[in-house]
Protein backbone atom coordinates (compact mmCIF):
# COMPACT_ATOMS: atom_id res chain seq x y z
CA UNK A 1 118.69 76.11 103.83
CA UNK A 2 119.37 78.57 100.53
CA UNK A 3 116.37 77.12 98.91
CA UNK A 4 114.24 77.35 102.02
CA UNK A 5 115.23 81.15 102.18
CA UNK A 6 114.81 81.55 98.14
CA UNK A 7 110.97 80.41 98.75
CA UNK A 8 110.15 82.44 101.38
CA UNK A 9 111.41 85.57 99.84
CA UNK A 10 109.35 84.91 96.76
CA UNK A 11 106.04 84.41 98.79
CA UNK A 12 106.33 87.62 100.50
CA UNK A 13 107.43 89.51 97.05
CA UNK A 14 103.80 87.25 95.42
CA UNK A 15 101.68 87.03 98.37
CA UNK A 16 98.90 89.72 97.60
CA UNK A 17 97.36 91.49 100.86
CA UNK A 18 94.33 93.34 101.21
CA UNK A 19 95.43 97.55 101.42
CA UNK A 20 93.15 98.18 104.89
CA UNK A 21 92.44 95.76 107.72
CA UNK A 22 94.80 93.55 109.64
CA UNK A 23 94.82 90.04 107.98
CA UNK A 24 96.83 88.77 111.27
CA UNK A 25 93.82 89.40 113.38
CA UNK A 26 91.38 88.26 111.41
CA UNK A 27 93.34 85.11 111.14
CA UNK A 28 93.58 85.20 114.64
CA UNK A 29 89.64 85.60 115.27
CA UNK A 30 89.06 83.03 112.99
CA UNK A 31 90.84 80.79 115.47
CA UNK A 32 89.31 81.34 118.30
CA UNK A 33 85.84 81.15 116.63
CA UNK A 34 86.33 77.49 116.58
CA UNK A 35 86.87 77.41 119.88
CA UNK A 36 84.34 75.32 121.97
CA UNK A 37 83.57 75.43 125.86
CA UNK A 38 83.21 72.21 126.17
CA UNK A 39 84.22 69.43 124.58
CA UNK A 40 83.09 65.73 124.87
CA UNK A 41 85.30 62.64 124.70
CA UNK A 42 84.38 61.52 121.58
CA UNK A 43 85.52 64.54 119.55
CA UNK A 44 88.76 64.81 121.56
CA UNK A 45 90.25 63.13 117.86
CA UNK A 46 88.71 65.62 115.96
CA UNK A 47 89.51 68.86 118.17
CA UNK A 48 93.23 67.73 118.03
CA UNK A 49 93.26 67.49 114.26
CA UNK A 50 91.49 71.07 113.47
CA UNK A 51 93.81 72.52 116.30
CA UNK A 52 96.94 71.40 113.90
CA UNK A 53 95.39 72.59 111.01
CA UNK A 54 94.46 75.79 112.69
CA UNK A 55 97.94 76.16 114.17
CA UNK A 56 99.62 75.64 110.84
CA UNK A 57 97.49 77.90 109.14
CA UNK A 58 98.82 80.72 111.71
CA UNK A 59 101.66 80.38 111.43
CA UNK A 60 101.75 80.49 107.55
CA UNK A 61 99.64 83.57 108.15
CA UNK A 62 102.16 85.24 110.32
CA UNK A 63 104.88 84.06 107.86
CA UNK A 64 103.70 85.66 104.84
CA UNK A 65 102.66 88.66 106.95
CA UNK A 66 106.07 89.45 107.87
CA UNK A 67 107.55 88.34 104.17
CA UNK A 68 105.81 90.56 102.89
CA UNK A 69 106.98 93.88 104.68
CA UNK A 70 109.35 95.48 102.66
CA UNK A 71 112.04 95.46 106.06
CA UNK A 72 111.39 91.82 107.32
CA UNK A 73 112.09 90.70 103.41
CA UNK A 74 115.08 92.37 102.97
CA UNK A 75 116.33 90.66 106.10
CA UNK A 76 115.28 87.47 104.60
CA UNK A 77 117.44 88.26 101.41
CA UNK A 78 120.29 89.47 102.95
CA UNK A 79 121.00 86.09 104.57
CA UNK A 80 122.65 85.14 101.66
CA UNK A 81 125.35 87.66 101.34
CA UNK A 82 126.95 90.05 103.33
CA UNK A 83 127.01 93.81 104.26
CA UNK A 84 126.85 95.95 101.20
CA UNK A 85 126.56 92.65 98.67
CA UNK A 86 123.42 90.38 98.23
CA UNK A 87 123.15 87.45 96.36
CA UNK A 88 120.49 86.54 94.15
CA UNK A 89 119.32 83.02 92.09
CA UNK A 90 117.88 83.73 88.93
CA UNK A 91 118.84 84.14 85.02
CA UNK A 92 122.30 85.42 84.28
CA UNK A 93 121.73 87.77 80.64
CA UNK A 94 124.86 85.91 78.46
CA UNK A 95 125.25 89.14 76.51
CA UNK A 96 126.34 91.10 78.97
CA UNK A 97 130.17 92.38 78.50
CA UNK A 98 133.17 91.13 80.99
CA UNK A 99 134.90 94.32 80.60
CA UNK A 100 135.96 94.80 84.12
CA UNK A 101 134.47 98.53 83.93
CA UNK A 102 136.44 99.77 87.24
CA UNK A 103 136.33 103.69 86.96
CA UNK A 104 138.93 106.13 86.62
CA UNK A 105 142.84 105.27 87.27
CA UNK A 106 144.38 106.31 90.77
CA UNK A 107 147.59 105.67 92.41
CA UNK A 108 147.54 102.61 94.25
CA UNK A 109 149.08 104.34 97.83
CA UNK A 110 145.86 106.75 97.21
CA UNK A 111 143.87 103.26 96.68
CA UNK A 112 145.17 101.61 99.76
CA UNK A 113 144.52 104.76 102.25
CA UNK A 114 140.63 104.39 100.78
CA UNK A 115 140.85 100.58 101.21
CA UNK A 116 142.03 101.05 104.79
CA UNK A 117 145.12 99.51 104.43
CA UNK A 118 143.62 95.90 103.31
CA UNK A 119 144.71 94.72 100.36
CA UNK A 120 145.63 90.57 99.42
CA UNK A 121 149.03 89.63 101.06
CA UNK A 122 149.11 86.71 98.98
CA UNK A 123 149.37 88.56 95.29
CA UNK A 124 152.12 91.05 96.56
CA UNK A 125 152.00 94.86 95.33
CA UNK A 126 148.95 96.16 93.47
CA UNK A 127 149.79 96.85 89.55
CA UNK A 128 147.36 99.34 89.76
CA UNK A 129 144.18 100.82 91.07
CA UNK A 130 141.17 102.56 90.08
CA UNK A 131 138.04 104.45 91.70
CA UNK A 132 134.16 105.29 91.32
CA UNK A 133 133.22 101.65 90.40
CA UNK A 134 130.84 101.65 92.24
CA UNK A 135 130.77 105.00 93.86
CA UNK A 136 133.09 105.69 96.20
CA UNK A 137 134.41 102.25 96.08
CA UNK A 138 138.25 101.73 95.18
CA UNK A 139 139.76 98.78 93.34
CA UNK A 140 143.78 97.18 93.89
CA UNK A 141 144.54 95.29 90.61
CA UNK A 142 147.11 92.55 89.07
CA UNK A 143 148.17 91.96 86.53
CA UNK A 144 147.68 88.01 84.58
CA UNK A 145 151.12 86.59 85.29
CA UNK A 146 151.80 82.39 85.15
CA UNK A 147 150.71 81.93 88.57
CA UNK A 148 147.67 84.17 88.08
CA UNK A 149 145.56 83.92 85.10
CA UNK A 150 143.59 86.08 83.84
CA UNK A 151 140.19 86.70 84.49
CA UNK A 152 138.31 85.40 81.44
CA UNK A 153 137.90 88.17 78.58
CA UNK A 154 140.40 90.00 80.78
CA UNK A 155 144.50 90.86 80.34
CA UNK A 156 143.81 91.08 84.48
CA UNK A 157 145.29 88.54 86.63
CA UNK A 158 142.76 89.67 90.43
CA UNK A 159 140.98 92.44 91.12
CA UNK A 160 140.10 93.52 94.43
CA UNK A 161 136.86 95.70 94.92
CA UNK A 162 136.81 97.77 98.44
CA UNK A 163 133.68 99.74 99.49
CA UNK A 164 131.94 101.46 102.32
CA UNK A 165 129.23 98.51 103.04
CA UNK A 166 126.30 101.25 103.88
CA UNK A 167 126.63 102.89 100.85
CA UNK A 168 126.05 100.90 97.62
CA UNK A 169 124.72 97.63 97.28
CA UNK A 170 126.60 95.29 95.02
CA UNK A 171 123.04 92.12 93.71
CA UNK A 172 124.92 89.26 92.51
CA UNK A 173 122.75 87.05 90.26
CA UNK A 174 124.07 82.97 90.52
CA UNK A 175 122.34 80.25 88.16
CA UNK A 176 123.41 77.45 86.07
CA UNK A 177 126.41 75.85 87.35
CA UNK A 178 127.52 78.21 89.66
CA UNK A 179 128.20 77.28 93.14
CA UNK A 180 127.33 79.91 96.60
CA UNK A 181 129.62 78.51 99.06
CA UNK A 182 129.62 80.19 102.76
CA UNK A 183 133.22 80.65 103.92
CA UNK A 184 135.47 82.38 106.40
CA UNK A 185 137.73 85.24 106.24
CA UNK A 186 139.15 85.46 108.49
CA UNK A 187 137.80 86.18 111.44
CA UNK A 188 134.54 87.09 109.02
CA UNK A 189 131.80 85.72 107.49
CA UNK A 190 132.02 85.19 103.55
CA UNK A 191 130.78 83.77 100.48
CA UNK A 192 132.78 81.97 97.59
CA UNK A 193 131.00 82.39 94.17
CA UNK A 194 132.72 79.68 91.42
CA UNK A 195 131.48 78.14 88.52
CA UNK A 196 129.51 79.42 85.52
CA UNK A 197 130.20 83.04 85.12
CA UNK A 198 127.40 85.30 87.36
CA UNK A 199 126.10 88.75 86.87
CA UNK A 200 127.10 91.47 89.12
CA UNK A 201 125.16 94.51 89.62
CA UNK A 202 126.26 98.02 91.13
CA UNK A 203 122.89 99.05 92.58
CA UNK A 204 122.83 102.93 93.90
CA UNK A 205 120.79 103.68 97.54
CA UNK A 206 118.36 104.79 95.16
CA UNK A 207 117.86 101.18 93.62
CA UNK A 208 119.14 102.76 89.86
CA UNK A 209 121.61 100.36 88.55
CA UNK A 210 124.89 102.21 87.70
CA UNK A 211 126.36 98.42 86.18
CA UNK A 212 126.10 95.57 85.23
CA UNK A 213 128.27 92.68 84.26
CA UNK A 214 129.37 88.79 83.61
CA UNK A 215 132.17 88.46 86.32
CA UNK A 216 134.01 85.31 87.29
CA UNK A 217 135.15 83.25 90.41
CA UNK A 218 134.88 85.83 93.31
CA UNK A 219 135.68 85.98 97.39
CA UNK A 220 132.82 88.20 99.04
CA UNK A 221 133.11 89.90 102.83
CA UNK A 222 132.69 92.49 104.99
CA UNK A 223 134.08 93.66 107.96
CA UNK A 224 130.58 95.56 109.12
CA UNK A 225 131.95 98.85 107.75
CA UNK A 226 133.41 97.97 104.25
CA UNK A 227 132.71 95.33 101.94
CA UNK A 228 134.94 93.67 99.84
CA UNK A 229 134.72 91.50 96.37
CA UNK A 230 137.86 89.82 94.78
CA UNK A 231 137.62 88.58 91.54
CA UNK A 232 139.85 86.38 90.37
CA UNK A 233 140.69 82.92 87.72
CA UNK A 234 141.61 81.19 90.94
CA UNK A 235 139.64 78.25 92.78
CA UNK A 236 138.60 79.00 96.43
CA UNK A 237 141.72 77.31 98.14
CA UNK A 238 143.87 79.34 96.03
CA UNK A 239 141.47 82.51 96.82
CA UNK A 240 141.18 82.00 100.29
CA UNK A 241 145.09 81.50 101.04
CA UNK A 242 145.78 84.43 98.87
CA UNK A 243 143.67 86.61 101.27
CA UNK A 244 145.00 85.23 104.37
CA UNK A 245 149.13 84.78 103.56
CA UNK A 246 151.15 85.99 106.09
CA UNK A 247 147.98 87.27 108.11
């Protein structure tokens, strides 16, 4: 399914359409032009073949037109991801920093309030908190311990970032041996991104990139109001267990 979505999205981005006119209407007119009021029995097979070919062509034209439109194309892209977070496949820039770049320190109690009280029960109380990266987002931080190994390139064990789902987009570029798996986080649909490091890009509503870095294993989900991303060195099972512990 992921391959189909990426193929259709790529088709929509590269399809060249005329600046004016109605391609869908033109395709329909060509189909009607091939209709015959009377068809002899000897032409039945030919007509059936032609009909199937034209029908397939009409489907391709209609689908291409849908994918070429910015709104529907975005909807297709969002099929792989959750509110506020989109996952795309592409080349990862290995020179990017692994620094977490979480923003400015704030009191943990303030971050918990801004996050709607959501935390990671299985990890215990957070050791610190930050705000501003992404904009309008807060991050709860847990220090690395013997039971919570550090995220590669950092001394941090886990980071839970929470932000309004409609305020900013986090684009995740996963390539190579990075796995993307759909999961359930409580009652919500989510994704697990694990394996090789992937690229996380913060984008403002106007499309400006505000930050880009390499990220480790990440669990993402959304409740429709807020988007959540838990980054750690935990595997999928342990990350899901930490989030759902006690709930």
